[in-house]
N, C-alpha and C. Protein backbone atom coordinates (compact mmCIF):
# COMPACT_ATOMS: atom_id res chain seq x y z
N MET A 1 -5.67 -13.05 18.16
CA MET A 1 -4.85 -12.83 16.97
C MET A 1 -3.59 -12.09 17.37
N THR A 2 -2.48 -12.82 17.46
CA THR A 2 -1.27 -12.20 17.98
C THR A 2 -0.07 -12.33 17.05
N GLN A 3 -0.27 -12.87 15.85
CA GLN A 3 0.87 -13.04 14.96
C GLN A 3 1.49 -11.70 14.59
N ASP A 4 2.83 -11.69 14.51
CA ASP A 4 3.55 -10.53 14.01
C ASP A 4 3.33 -10.46 12.51
N ILE A 5 2.83 -9.32 12.03
CA ILE A 5 2.52 -9.20 10.61
C ILE A 5 3.79 -9.28 9.76
N GLN A 6 4.96 -9.13 10.40
CA GLN A 6 6.23 -9.25 9.69
C GLN A 6 6.91 -10.59 9.97
N GLU A 7 6.16 -11.60 10.37
CA GLU A 7 6.75 -12.87 10.79
C GLU A 7 7.63 -13.50 9.70
N LEU A 8 8.53 -14.37 10.15
CA LEU A 8 9.44 -15.05 9.25
C LEU A 8 8.69 -16.05 8.38
N ARG A 9 9.25 -16.32 7.21
CA ARG A 9 8.67 -17.29 6.29
C ARG A 9 9.69 -18.39 6.01
N LYS A 10 9.19 -19.51 5.51
CA LYS A 10 10.06 -20.62 5.14
C LYS A 10 9.79 -21.01 3.70
N ALA A 11 10.86 -21.33 2.98
CA ALA A 11 10.72 -21.77 1.59
C ALA A 11 10.12 -23.17 1.57
N VAL A 12 9.22 -23.40 0.61
CA VAL A 12 8.62 -24.72 0.45
C VAL A 12 8.65 -25.11 -1.02
N GLU A 13 8.80 -26.41 -1.26
CA GLU A 13 8.71 -26.96 -2.60
C GLU A 13 7.32 -27.57 -2.77
N LEU A 14 6.67 -27.26 -3.88
CA LEU A 14 5.32 -27.72 -4.15
C LEU A 14 5.31 -28.62 -5.38
N PHE A 15 4.40 -29.57 -5.39
CA PHE A 15 4.21 -30.45 -6.55
C PHE A 15 5.54 -31.08 -6.99
N GLY A 16 6.21 -31.69 -6.01
CA GLY A 16 7.44 -32.40 -6.31
C GLY A 16 8.62 -31.52 -6.67
N GLY A 17 8.57 -30.25 -6.29
CA GLY A 17 9.65 -29.33 -6.59
C GLY A 17 9.49 -28.56 -7.88
N ALA A 18 8.40 -28.80 -8.61
CA ALA A 18 8.16 -28.06 -9.85
C ALA A 18 7.82 -26.60 -9.59
N VAL A 19 7.36 -26.33 -8.37
CA VAL A 19 6.97 -24.97 -7.96
C VAL A 19 7.62 -24.70 -6.61
N VAL A 20 8.05 -23.46 -6.42
CA VAL A 20 8.55 -23.05 -5.11
C VAL A 20 7.76 -21.84 -4.63
N CYS A 21 7.68 -21.71 -3.31
CA CYS A 21 6.99 -20.58 -2.71
C CYS A 21 7.54 -20.41 -1.30
N ALA A 22 6.90 -19.58 -0.49
CA ALA A 22 7.29 -19.39 0.91
C ALA A 22 6.03 -19.17 1.73
N VAL A 23 5.95 -19.85 2.86
CA VAL A 23 4.79 -19.73 3.75
C VAL A 23 5.28 -19.27 5.12
N PRO A 24 4.39 -18.71 5.95
CA PRO A 24 4.80 -18.32 7.30
C PRO A 24 5.35 -19.51 8.09
N MET A 25 6.29 -19.24 8.98
CA MET A 25 6.97 -20.30 9.72
C MET A 25 6.00 -21.18 10.50
N GLY A 26 4.91 -20.61 10.99
CA GLY A 26 3.97 -21.36 11.81
C GLY A 26 3.04 -22.27 11.04
N PHE A 27 3.13 -22.28 9.71
CA PHE A 27 2.23 -23.10 8.89
C PHE A 27 2.85 -24.46 8.62
N GLN A 28 2.01 -25.51 8.69
CA GLN A 28 2.48 -26.87 8.49
C GLN A 28 1.80 -27.51 7.28
N ASP A 29 2.51 -28.41 6.64
CA ASP A 29 2.00 -29.15 5.48
C ASP A 29 0.88 -30.07 5.94
N ALA A 30 -0.33 -29.83 5.43
CA ALA A 30 -1.49 -30.60 5.88
C ALA A 30 -1.41 -32.06 5.48
N SER A 31 -0.61 -32.38 4.46
CA SER A 31 -0.51 -33.78 4.03
C SER A 31 0.17 -34.65 5.08
N ASN A 32 0.78 -34.02 6.09
CA ASN A 32 1.39 -34.79 7.17
C ASN A 32 0.35 -35.39 8.10
N PHE A 33 -0.87 -34.85 8.06
CA PHE A 33 -1.88 -35.37 9.00
C PHE A 33 -3.26 -35.56 8.38
N ARG A 34 -3.41 -35.30 7.06
CA ARG A 34 -4.68 -35.60 6.41
C ARG A 34 -4.43 -35.78 4.91
N GLU A 35 -5.38 -36.41 4.26
CA GLU A 35 -5.24 -36.66 2.83
C GLU A 35 -5.48 -35.37 2.04
N VAL A 36 -4.61 -35.12 1.07
CA VAL A 36 -4.70 -33.93 0.22
C VAL A 36 -4.70 -34.41 -1.23
N PRO A 37 -5.61 -33.90 -2.08
CA PRO A 37 -5.63 -34.32 -3.49
C PRO A 37 -4.31 -34.04 -4.20
N ASP A 38 -4.00 -34.82 -5.23
CA ASP A 38 -2.73 -34.69 -5.94
C ASP A 38 -2.56 -33.32 -6.59
N ASN A 39 -3.67 -32.67 -6.95
CA ASN A 39 -3.58 -31.38 -7.62
C ASN A 39 -3.55 -30.21 -6.64
N GLN A 40 -3.40 -30.51 -5.33
CA GLN A 40 -3.38 -29.46 -4.32
C GLN A 40 -2.16 -29.61 -3.41
N GLU A 41 -1.75 -28.47 -2.86
CA GLU A 41 -0.84 -28.42 -1.72
C GLU A 41 -1.52 -27.55 -0.68
N VAL A 42 -1.57 -28.00 0.57
CA VAL A 42 -2.32 -27.30 1.61
C VAL A 42 -1.42 -27.08 2.83
N TYR A 43 -1.43 -25.85 3.32
CA TYR A 43 -0.69 -25.51 4.54
C TYR A 43 -1.65 -24.87 5.54
N VAL A 44 -1.49 -25.27 6.80
CA VAL A 44 -2.43 -24.85 7.85
C VAL A 44 -1.66 -24.16 8.96
N SER A 45 -2.21 -23.04 9.44
CA SER A 45 -1.60 -22.34 10.57
C SER A 45 -1.74 -23.18 11.82
N MET A 46 -0.63 -23.37 12.52
CA MET A 46 -0.65 -24.12 13.78
C MET A 46 -0.25 -23.20 14.93
N THR A 47 -0.46 -21.90 14.76
CA THR A 47 -0.03 -20.91 15.74
C THR A 47 -1.22 -20.26 16.42
N ASP A 48 -1.19 -20.21 17.74
CA ASP A 48 -2.19 -19.49 18.53
C ASP A 48 -3.62 -19.97 18.27
N GLY A 49 -3.78 -21.20 17.83
CA GLY A 49 -5.12 -21.73 17.64
C GLY A 49 -5.85 -21.21 16.43
N ASN A 50 -5.20 -20.41 15.59
CA ASN A 50 -5.85 -19.88 14.40
C ASN A 50 -5.88 -20.95 13.30
N ASP A 51 -7.00 -21.04 12.61
CA ASP A 51 -7.19 -22.09 11.62
C ASP A 51 -7.12 -21.52 10.20
N ILE A 52 -6.15 -20.64 9.96
CA ILE A 52 -5.96 -20.08 8.62
C ILE A 52 -5.35 -21.15 7.72
N THR A 53 -5.89 -21.26 6.51
CA THR A 53 -5.45 -22.30 5.58
C THR A 53 -5.00 -21.68 4.27
N VAL A 54 -3.91 -22.18 3.73
CA VAL A 54 -3.40 -21.78 2.42
C VAL A 54 -3.51 -22.99 1.49
N ILE A 55 -4.12 -22.79 0.33
CA ILE A 55 -4.30 -23.87 -0.64
C ILE A 55 -3.73 -23.45 -1.99
N PHE A 56 -2.83 -24.26 -2.53
CA PHE A 56 -2.34 -24.10 -3.90
C PHE A 56 -3.05 -25.17 -4.73
N ASP A 57 -3.72 -24.75 -5.78
CA ASP A 57 -4.58 -25.66 -6.54
C ASP A 57 -4.28 -25.53 -8.03
N ILE A 58 -3.98 -26.64 -8.69
CA ILE A 58 -3.85 -26.66 -10.14
C ILE A 58 -5.17 -27.13 -10.71
N THR A 59 -5.80 -26.29 -11.53
CA THR A 59 -7.10 -26.64 -12.09
C THR A 59 -7.06 -26.53 -13.61
N GLN A 60 -8.00 -27.19 -14.24
CA GLN A 60 -8.18 -27.03 -15.69
C GLN A 60 -8.56 -25.58 -15.97
N ARG A 61 -7.94 -25.00 -16.98
CA ARG A 61 -8.26 -23.62 -17.34
C ARG A 61 -9.75 -23.50 -17.65
N VAL A 62 -10.37 -22.49 -17.07
CA VAL A 62 -11.80 -22.26 -17.29
C VAL A 62 -12.00 -21.72 -18.69
N GLU A 63 -12.72 -22.46 -19.50
CA GLU A 63 -13.00 -22.09 -20.88
C GLU A 63 -14.47 -22.37 -21.18
N ALA A 64 -14.95 -21.79 -22.27
CA ALA A 64 -16.30 -22.07 -22.75
C ALA A 64 -16.33 -21.78 -24.24
N PRO A 65 -17.28 -22.34 -24.97
CA PRO A 65 -17.35 -22.09 -26.41
C PRO A 65 -17.41 -20.60 -26.75
N SER A 66 -18.01 -19.83 -25.88
CA SER A 66 -18.14 -18.40 -26.15
C SER A 66 -16.90 -17.62 -25.75
N GLY A 67 -15.93 -18.29 -25.09
CA GLY A 67 -14.71 -17.61 -24.70
C GLY A 67 -14.92 -16.64 -23.57
N PRO A 68 -15.03 -17.12 -22.33
CA PRO A 68 -15.29 -16.23 -21.20
C PRO A 68 -14.13 -15.29 -20.95
N SER A 69 -14.41 -14.14 -20.42
CA SER A 69 -13.36 -13.21 -20.05
C SER A 69 -12.63 -13.75 -18.83
N ASP A 70 -11.44 -13.18 -18.56
CA ASP A 70 -10.70 -13.60 -17.37
C ASP A 70 -11.51 -13.35 -16.11
N MET A 71 -12.23 -12.24 -16.06
CA MET A 71 -13.03 -11.94 -14.87
C MET A 71 -14.14 -12.97 -14.68
N ASP A 72 -14.69 -13.49 -15.77
CA ASP A 72 -15.66 -14.57 -15.66
C ASP A 72 -15.02 -15.80 -15.02
N ALA A 73 -13.78 -16.06 -15.39
CA ALA A 73 -13.07 -17.20 -14.82
C ALA A 73 -12.83 -17.00 -13.33
N VAL A 74 -12.50 -15.77 -12.95
CA VAL A 74 -12.31 -15.45 -11.54
C VAL A 74 -13.59 -15.73 -10.76
N ASP A 75 -14.72 -15.26 -11.29
CA ASP A 75 -16.01 -15.51 -10.64
C ASP A 75 -16.28 -17.00 -10.51
N TYR A 76 -15.96 -17.74 -11.56
CA TYR A 76 -16.21 -19.18 -11.56
C TYR A 76 -15.44 -19.86 -10.43
N HIS A 77 -14.15 -19.54 -10.32
CA HIS A 77 -13.32 -20.19 -9.30
C HIS A 77 -13.82 -19.85 -7.89
N PHE A 78 -14.22 -18.60 -7.69
CA PHE A 78 -14.70 -18.22 -6.36
C PHE A 78 -16.02 -18.91 -6.05
N GLU A 79 -16.93 -18.88 -7.00
CA GLU A 79 -18.24 -19.50 -6.76
C GLU A 79 -18.12 -21.01 -6.57
N ASP A 80 -17.13 -21.61 -7.21
CA ASP A 80 -16.92 -23.05 -7.08
C ASP A 80 -16.61 -23.43 -5.63
N VAL A 81 -15.89 -22.56 -4.94
CA VAL A 81 -15.58 -22.81 -3.52
C VAL A 81 -16.86 -22.81 -2.70
N ALA A 82 -17.71 -21.82 -2.93
CA ALA A 82 -18.95 -21.72 -2.15
C ALA A 82 -19.89 -22.88 -2.43
N VAL A 83 -19.98 -23.28 -3.70
CA VAL A 83 -20.88 -24.39 -4.06
C VAL A 83 -20.41 -25.68 -3.40
N ASP A 84 -19.09 -25.90 -3.39
CA ASP A 84 -18.55 -27.11 -2.78
C ASP A 84 -18.90 -27.18 -1.30
N GLN A 85 -19.02 -26.04 -0.66
CA GLN A 85 -19.27 -26.01 0.78
C GLN A 85 -20.74 -25.75 1.12
N ASP A 86 -21.60 -25.64 0.08
CA ASP A 86 -23.02 -25.42 0.30
C ASP A 86 -23.26 -24.17 1.15
N ARG A 87 -22.61 -23.08 0.77
CA ARG A 87 -22.73 -21.83 1.53
C ARG A 87 -23.08 -20.67 0.60
N THR A 88 -23.55 -19.59 1.20
CA THR A 88 -23.76 -18.34 0.48
C THR A 88 -22.43 -17.62 0.35
N ALA A 89 -22.20 -16.98 -0.80
CA ALA A 89 -20.92 -16.32 -1.04
C ALA A 89 -21.13 -14.91 -1.57
N LYS A 90 -20.13 -14.06 -1.34
CA LYS A 90 -20.17 -12.69 -1.85
C LYS A 90 -18.76 -12.22 -2.16
N ILE A 91 -18.59 -11.58 -3.32
CA ILE A 91 -17.32 -10.97 -3.68
C ILE A 91 -17.37 -9.50 -3.28
N TRP A 92 -16.34 -9.06 -2.52
CA TRP A 92 -16.28 -7.67 -2.06
C TRP A 92 -15.31 -6.83 -2.88
N ASN A 93 -14.30 -7.48 -3.44
CA ASN A 93 -13.30 -6.74 -4.21
C ASN A 93 -12.67 -7.67 -5.23
N LYS A 94 -12.41 -7.15 -6.42
CA LYS A 94 -11.84 -7.96 -7.50
C LYS A 94 -10.96 -7.06 -8.35
N ARG A 95 -9.73 -7.52 -8.64
CA ARG A 95 -8.80 -6.67 -9.39
C ARG A 95 -7.76 -7.52 -10.09
N SER A 96 -7.13 -6.93 -11.10
CA SER A 96 -5.99 -7.59 -11.74
C SER A 96 -4.73 -7.26 -10.94
N ILE A 97 -3.80 -8.21 -10.89
CA ILE A 97 -2.55 -8.03 -10.16
C ILE A 97 -1.41 -8.57 -11.01
N SER A 98 -0.19 -8.47 -10.48
CA SER A 98 0.98 -9.04 -11.14
C SER A 98 1.62 -10.04 -10.19
N VAL A 99 1.92 -11.23 -10.70
CA VAL A 99 2.70 -12.21 -9.96
C VAL A 99 4.15 -12.01 -10.40
N PRO A 100 5.03 -11.50 -9.52
CA PRO A 100 6.35 -11.03 -9.95
C PRO A 100 7.15 -12.00 -10.80
N HIS A 101 7.18 -13.28 -10.45
CA HIS A 101 7.98 -14.25 -11.22
C HIS A 101 7.31 -14.67 -12.52
N HIS A 102 6.06 -14.26 -12.70
CA HIS A 102 5.33 -14.60 -13.93
C HIS A 102 4.50 -13.39 -14.39
N SER A 103 5.19 -12.26 -14.48
CA SER A 103 4.50 -11.01 -14.78
C SER A 103 3.94 -10.97 -16.19
N ASP A 104 4.36 -11.91 -17.05
CA ASP A 104 3.83 -11.97 -18.41
C ASP A 104 2.51 -12.73 -18.48
N LYS A 105 2.08 -13.32 -17.36
CA LYS A 105 0.83 -14.07 -17.32
C LYS A 105 -0.25 -13.25 -16.62
N PRO A 106 -1.47 -13.26 -17.15
CA PRO A 106 -2.55 -12.53 -16.47
C PRO A 106 -2.85 -13.15 -15.11
N ALA A 107 -3.08 -12.29 -14.14
CA ALA A 107 -3.38 -12.75 -12.79
C ALA A 107 -4.40 -11.81 -12.16
N TYR A 108 -5.19 -12.36 -11.26
CA TYR A 108 -6.30 -11.62 -10.66
C TYR A 108 -6.43 -12.02 -9.19
N GLN A 109 -6.97 -11.10 -8.42
CA GLN A 109 -7.21 -11.40 -7.01
C GLN A 109 -8.62 -10.98 -6.62
N VAL A 110 -9.25 -11.82 -5.85
CA VAL A 110 -10.59 -11.53 -5.36
C VAL A 110 -10.61 -11.70 -3.85
N ILE A 111 -11.28 -10.77 -3.18
CA ILE A 111 -11.53 -10.89 -1.74
C ILE A 111 -13.02 -11.08 -1.56
N GLY A 112 -13.39 -12.16 -0.94
CA GLY A 112 -14.81 -12.46 -0.74
C GLY A 112 -15.04 -13.13 0.58
N THR A 113 -16.29 -13.45 0.83
CA THR A 113 -16.66 -14.15 2.06
C THR A 113 -17.67 -15.24 1.75
N VAL A 114 -17.64 -16.28 2.56
CA VAL A 114 -18.68 -17.30 2.52
C VAL A 114 -19.30 -17.39 3.90
N SER A 115 -20.57 -17.70 3.94
CA SER A 115 -21.30 -17.75 5.20
C SER A 115 -20.88 -18.95 6.03
N ALA A 116 -21.29 -18.94 7.28
CA ALA A 116 -21.06 -20.09 8.15
C ALA A 116 -21.79 -21.30 7.61
N ARG A 117 -21.36 -22.48 8.02
CA ARG A 117 -22.03 -23.70 7.59
C ARG A 117 -23.49 -23.68 8.02
N PRO A 118 -24.38 -24.22 7.18
CA PRO A 118 -25.81 -24.23 7.52
C PRO A 118 -26.10 -24.92 8.85
N THR A 119 -25.22 -25.84 9.26
CA THR A 119 -25.45 -26.58 10.50
C THR A 119 -24.99 -25.82 11.74
N GLU A 120 -24.27 -24.71 11.55
CA GLU A 120 -23.75 -23.96 12.70
C GLU A 120 -24.84 -23.08 13.32
N GLN A 121 -24.71 -22.88 14.62
CA GLN A 121 -25.65 -22.02 15.34
C GLN A 121 -25.49 -20.58 14.87
N PRO A 122 -26.58 -19.90 14.48
CA PRO A 122 -26.48 -18.50 14.04
C PRO A 122 -25.94 -17.60 15.14
N THR A 123 -25.18 -16.58 14.74
CA THR A 123 -24.66 -15.60 15.69
C THR A 123 -25.03 -14.21 15.21
N ASP A 124 -24.90 -13.23 16.09
CA ASP A 124 -25.18 -11.83 15.75
C ASP A 124 -24.00 -10.98 16.23
N PRO A 125 -23.23 -10.42 15.27
CA PRO A 125 -23.33 -10.53 13.82
C PRO A 125 -22.91 -11.92 13.33
N PRO A 126 -23.33 -12.29 12.11
CA PRO A 126 -23.04 -13.64 11.62
C PRO A 126 -21.55 -13.87 11.35
N THR A 127 -21.06 -15.03 11.74
CA THR A 127 -19.67 -15.40 11.45
C THR A 127 -19.52 -15.77 9.97
N PHE A 128 -18.28 -15.82 9.52
CA PHE A 128 -18.02 -16.10 8.10
C PHE A 128 -16.57 -16.52 7.92
N ILE A 129 -16.24 -16.93 6.72
CA ILE A 129 -14.85 -17.18 6.33
C ILE A 129 -14.48 -16.19 5.24
N ALA A 130 -13.41 -15.43 5.47
CA ALA A 130 -12.88 -14.55 4.42
C ALA A 130 -12.00 -15.38 3.49
N ILE A 131 -12.11 -15.11 2.20
CA ILE A 131 -11.33 -15.82 1.19
C ILE A 131 -10.57 -14.80 0.35
N ILE A 132 -9.25 -14.93 0.36
CA ILE A 132 -8.41 -14.12 -0.52
C ILE A 132 -7.86 -15.08 -1.57
N MET A 133 -8.32 -14.92 -2.80
CA MET A 133 -8.03 -15.88 -3.86
C MET A 133 -7.26 -15.21 -4.99
N THR A 134 -6.14 -15.79 -5.36
CA THR A 134 -5.35 -15.33 -6.50
C THR A 134 -5.42 -16.37 -7.61
N ILE A 135 -5.70 -15.92 -8.82
CA ILE A 135 -5.79 -16.82 -9.97
C ILE A 135 -4.73 -16.41 -10.99
N LEU A 136 -3.81 -17.32 -11.28
CA LEU A 136 -2.79 -17.13 -12.32
C LEU A 136 -3.20 -17.96 -13.52
N ARG A 137 -3.42 -17.30 -14.67
CA ARG A 137 -3.95 -17.97 -15.85
C ARG A 137 -2.82 -18.38 -16.80
N LEU A 138 -2.74 -19.67 -17.08
CA LEU A 138 -1.69 -20.22 -17.93
C LEU A 138 -2.32 -20.75 -19.21
N LYS A 139 -2.42 -19.89 -20.21
CA LYS A 139 -3.11 -20.26 -21.45
C LYS A 139 -2.41 -21.41 -22.16
N GLU A 140 -1.08 -21.34 -22.29
CA GLU A 140 -0.35 -22.37 -23.04
C GLU A 140 -0.46 -23.74 -22.39
N GLN A 141 -0.60 -23.76 -21.07
CA GLN A 141 -0.70 -25.03 -20.34
C GLN A 141 -2.15 -25.43 -20.08
N THR A 142 -3.09 -24.65 -20.60
CA THR A 142 -4.53 -24.87 -20.38
C THR A 142 -4.83 -25.13 -18.91
N ALA A 143 -4.23 -24.29 -18.06
CA ALA A 143 -4.39 -24.47 -16.61
C ALA A 143 -4.60 -23.12 -15.94
N ASP A 144 -5.22 -23.17 -14.79
CA ASP A 144 -5.29 -22.03 -13.88
C ASP A 144 -4.66 -22.46 -12.56
N ILE A 145 -3.80 -21.61 -12.02
CA ILE A 145 -3.28 -21.82 -10.68
C ILE A 145 -4.11 -20.96 -9.73
N VAL A 146 -4.67 -21.58 -8.72
CA VAL A 146 -5.50 -20.86 -7.75
C VAL A 146 -4.82 -20.95 -6.38
N ILE A 147 -4.48 -19.80 -5.83
CA ILE A 147 -3.86 -19.72 -4.50
C ILE A 147 -4.88 -19.07 -3.57
N THR A 148 -5.32 -19.82 -2.58
CA THR A 148 -6.40 -19.36 -1.71
C THR A 148 -5.93 -19.29 -0.27
N VAL A 149 -6.26 -18.18 0.39
CA VAL A 149 -6.06 -18.03 1.83
C VAL A 149 -7.44 -17.96 2.47
N ASN A 150 -7.75 -18.93 3.31
CA ASN A 150 -9.03 -18.97 4.03
C ASN A 150 -8.83 -18.49 5.46
N ILE A 151 -9.62 -17.49 5.86
CA ILE A 151 -9.45 -16.87 7.17
C ILE A 151 -10.77 -16.92 7.93
N PRO A 152 -10.91 -17.81 8.89
CA PRO A 152 -12.18 -17.90 9.62
C PRO A 152 -12.37 -16.72 10.58
N PHE A 153 -13.50 -16.06 10.45
CA PHE A 153 -13.97 -15.10 11.45
C PHE A 153 -15.04 -15.85 12.24
N ASP A 154 -14.60 -16.63 13.22
CA ASP A 154 -15.49 -17.62 13.81
C ASP A 154 -16.06 -17.26 15.18
N ASN A 155 -15.93 -15.99 15.57
CA ASN A 155 -16.65 -15.56 16.76
C ASN A 155 -17.09 -14.11 16.59
N PRO A 156 -18.17 -13.69 17.24
CA PRO A 156 -18.72 -12.35 17.03
C PRO A 156 -17.74 -11.23 17.32
N GLU A 157 -16.83 -11.42 18.27
CA GLU A 157 -15.86 -10.37 18.58
C GLU A 157 -14.96 -10.09 17.38
N MET A 158 -14.48 -11.15 16.73
CA MET A 158 -13.68 -10.99 15.52
C MET A 158 -14.48 -10.26 14.45
N VAL A 159 -15.73 -10.66 14.28
CA VAL A 159 -16.58 -10.08 13.24
C VAL A 159 -16.79 -8.60 13.48
N ARG A 160 -17.04 -8.21 14.72
CA ARG A 160 -17.31 -6.79 15.03
C ARG A 160 -16.10 -5.90 14.75
N SER A 161 -14.90 -6.46 14.81
CA SER A 161 -13.70 -5.65 14.58
C SER A 161 -13.43 -5.41 13.10
N GLU A 162 -14.18 -6.08 12.23
CA GLU A 162 -13.96 -6.01 10.78
C GLU A 162 -15.02 -5.14 10.11
N LYS A 163 -14.58 -4.04 9.46
CA LYS A 163 -15.51 -3.11 8.82
C LYS A 163 -15.31 -3.01 7.31
N CYS A 164 -14.50 -3.90 6.76
CA CYS A 164 -14.24 -3.88 5.32
C CYS A 164 -15.03 -4.95 4.58
N ILE A 165 -15.21 -6.10 5.22
CA ILE A 165 -15.99 -7.20 4.66
C ILE A 165 -16.86 -7.79 5.75
N ALA A 166 -17.82 -8.62 5.35
CA ALA A 166 -18.73 -9.24 6.32
C ALA A 166 -19.33 -10.49 5.70
N SER A 167 -20.13 -11.19 6.48
CA SER A 167 -20.84 -12.35 5.97
C SER A 167 -21.75 -11.94 4.81
N PRO A 168 -21.92 -12.79 3.80
CA PRO A 168 -22.86 -12.48 2.72
C PRO A 168 -24.29 -12.26 3.22
N THR A 169 -24.59 -12.77 4.40
CA THR A 169 -25.95 -12.64 4.94
C THR A 169 -26.11 -11.40 5.81
N TYR A 170 -25.03 -10.64 6.01
CA TYR A 170 -25.09 -9.47 6.89
C TYR A 170 -25.83 -8.33 6.19
N THR A 171 -26.73 -7.67 6.90
CA THR A 171 -27.55 -6.61 6.31
C THR A 171 -27.27 -5.24 6.91
N GLY A 172 -26.29 -5.12 7.78
CA GLY A 172 -25.97 -3.83 8.38
C GLY A 172 -25.35 -2.88 7.37
N GLY A 173 -25.35 -1.59 7.70
CA GLY A 173 -24.84 -0.59 6.77
C GLY A 173 -23.47 -0.06 7.12
N ASP A 174 -22.74 -0.73 8.00
CA ASP A 174 -21.46 -0.21 8.48
C ASP A 174 -20.25 -0.87 7.82
N ILE A 175 -20.46 -1.57 6.70
CA ILE A 175 -19.35 -2.24 6.01
C ILE A 175 -19.05 -1.50 4.71
N ASP A 176 -17.77 -1.16 4.51
CA ASP A 176 -17.36 -0.45 3.30
C ASP A 176 -16.06 -1.08 2.77
N PRO A 177 -16.12 -1.82 1.66
CA PRO A 177 -14.92 -2.49 1.15
C PRO A 177 -13.80 -1.53 0.75
N SER A 178 -14.14 -0.30 0.39
CA SER A 178 -13.12 0.63 -0.09
C SER A 178 -12.49 1.45 1.03
N SER A 179 -13.25 1.78 2.07
CA SER A 179 -12.71 2.65 3.11
C SER A 179 -12.94 2.13 4.53
N GLY A 180 -13.58 0.99 4.67
CA GLY A 180 -13.81 0.44 6.00
C GLY A 180 -12.51 0.02 6.68
N VAL A 181 -12.50 0.05 7.99
CA VAL A 181 -11.31 -0.32 8.76
C VAL A 181 -11.13 -1.83 8.73
N LYS A 182 -9.97 -2.27 8.29
CA LYS A 182 -9.67 -3.70 8.27
C LYS A 182 -9.26 -4.16 9.66
N SER A 183 -9.74 -5.33 10.04
CA SER A 183 -9.33 -5.92 11.31
C SER A 183 -7.89 -6.41 11.22
N VAL A 184 -7.27 -6.63 12.37
CA VAL A 184 -5.92 -7.19 12.40
C VAL A 184 -5.89 -8.54 11.69
N LEU A 185 -6.96 -9.32 11.85
CA LEU A 185 -7.02 -10.65 11.24
C LEU A 185 -7.02 -10.56 9.71
N LEU A 186 -7.82 -9.65 9.15
CA LEU A 186 -7.85 -9.51 7.70
C LEU A 186 -6.53 -8.95 7.19
N GLU A 187 -5.96 -7.98 7.90
CA GLU A 187 -4.66 -7.43 7.50
C GLU A 187 -3.61 -8.53 7.45
N TYR A 188 -3.64 -9.41 8.44
CA TYR A 188 -2.68 -10.51 8.47
C TYR A 188 -2.89 -11.44 7.28
N GLY A 189 -4.14 -11.79 7.00
CA GLY A 189 -4.44 -12.66 5.87
C GLY A 189 -4.01 -12.05 4.55
N MET A 190 -4.20 -10.75 4.40
CA MET A 190 -3.78 -10.07 3.17
C MET A 190 -2.26 -10.07 3.03
N LYS A 191 -1.56 -9.91 4.17
CA LYS A 191 -0.09 -9.96 4.14
C LYS A 191 0.39 -11.36 3.75
N VAL A 192 -0.24 -12.39 4.31
CA VAL A 192 0.10 -13.76 3.94
C VAL A 192 -0.09 -13.96 2.44
N SER A 193 -1.23 -13.51 1.92
CA SER A 193 -1.54 -13.67 0.50
C SER A 193 -0.52 -12.96 -0.37
N GLN A 194 -0.18 -11.72 -0.01
CA GLN A 194 0.78 -10.96 -0.81
C GLN A 194 2.15 -11.62 -0.81
N ASP A 195 2.57 -12.13 0.34
CA ASP A 195 3.86 -12.81 0.41
C ASP A 195 3.87 -14.08 -0.45
N LEU A 196 2.75 -14.80 -0.47
CA LEU A 196 2.65 -15.99 -1.32
C LEU A 196 2.80 -15.61 -2.79
N VAL A 197 2.11 -14.57 -3.20
CA VAL A 197 2.16 -14.12 -4.59
C VAL A 197 3.58 -13.70 -4.96
N ASN A 198 4.24 -12.97 -4.07
CA ASN A 198 5.59 -12.49 -4.36
C ASN A 198 6.60 -13.63 -4.50
N ALA A 199 6.41 -14.70 -3.73
CA ALA A 199 7.39 -15.79 -3.72
C ALA A 199 7.07 -16.90 -4.71
N PHE A 200 5.85 -16.95 -5.22
CA PHE A 200 5.41 -18.07 -6.06
C PHE A 200 6.18 -18.09 -7.37
N GLN A 201 6.75 -19.26 -7.70
CA GLN A 201 7.51 -19.39 -8.95
C GLN A 201 7.40 -20.82 -9.48
N ILE A 202 7.00 -20.94 -10.73
CA ILE A 202 6.98 -22.24 -11.41
C ILE A 202 8.36 -22.47 -12.02
N LEU A 203 9.02 -23.53 -11.59
CA LEU A 203 10.35 -23.85 -12.11
C LEU A 203 10.29 -24.82 -13.28
N ASP A 204 9.32 -25.70 -13.28
CA ASP A 204 9.22 -26.74 -14.31
C ASP A 204 7.81 -26.76 -14.88
N PHE A 205 7.67 -26.19 -16.08
CA PHE A 205 6.35 -26.16 -16.71
C PHE A 205 5.94 -27.54 -17.23
N GLY A 206 6.86 -28.51 -17.18
CA GLY A 206 6.49 -29.88 -17.50
C GLY A 206 5.47 -30.44 -16.52
N LEU A 207 5.30 -29.79 -15.40
CA LEU A 207 4.26 -30.16 -14.44
C LEU A 207 2.90 -30.24 -15.11
N PHE A 208 2.70 -29.44 -16.14
CA PHE A 208 1.40 -29.36 -16.80
C PHE A 208 1.32 -30.26 -18.03
N CYS A 209 2.30 -31.17 -18.16
CA CYS A 209 2.33 -32.12 -19.29
C CYS A 209 2.42 -31.39 -20.62
N GLU A 210 3.10 -30.26 -20.59
CA GLU A 210 3.35 -29.49 -21.82
C GLU A 210 4.84 -29.21 -21.88
N ASP A 211 5.32 -28.84 -23.07
CA ASP A 211 6.71 -28.42 -23.18
C ASP A 211 6.93 -27.18 -22.34
N PRO A 212 8.06 -27.04 -21.65
CA PRO A 212 8.33 -25.87 -20.85
C PRO A 212 8.20 -24.60 -21.67
N VAL A 213 7.69 -23.56 -21.02
CA VAL A 213 7.52 -22.27 -21.68
C VAL A 213 8.57 -21.31 -21.15
N GLU A 214 9.24 -20.62 -22.06
CA GLU A 214 10.29 -19.67 -21.64
C GLU A 214 9.67 -18.48 -20.93
């Protein structure tokens, strides 16, 4: 892990230019080499062999007859990732945040982990993927914007350097989400996530098939 935590970023247009953001210079548009769903934009780190992935996802707003709280929606989006991958998941931290260009909209961030794939050889300590997920709730457009940074901790050396989060299957007592020492890898992922949040801006609310909202 050698990226400069202050690395340069590049502006990107998402969803046909309806949304703008900025990603680290070393990240490439995944649609150039693999199929990406129409409701997603995916960028992959191509630097130093790290497989960090950034996903922008437009989803149907999470609702229910009983009217779930925003935090329930946050849990739903996080758990949906784990279910899709058939893995065990754990949320380590969850909080409300502000997306600067849309500070009038409720937004939340969750830091969690999912276990290694069931087919992977077990390691000690167990490897995992850290997930930093931001959810921007758009009530008028009946949509949720989900911005996810996936950070693989795919070897035991990386895992041992991280004392803030761990695999959901880890049973050791040396992990503390509030005061544990963050690894360089997690610090970098958090910086990437924060920069995405700061730069994210919806220019055309017609993207959601609704009249633009002031």
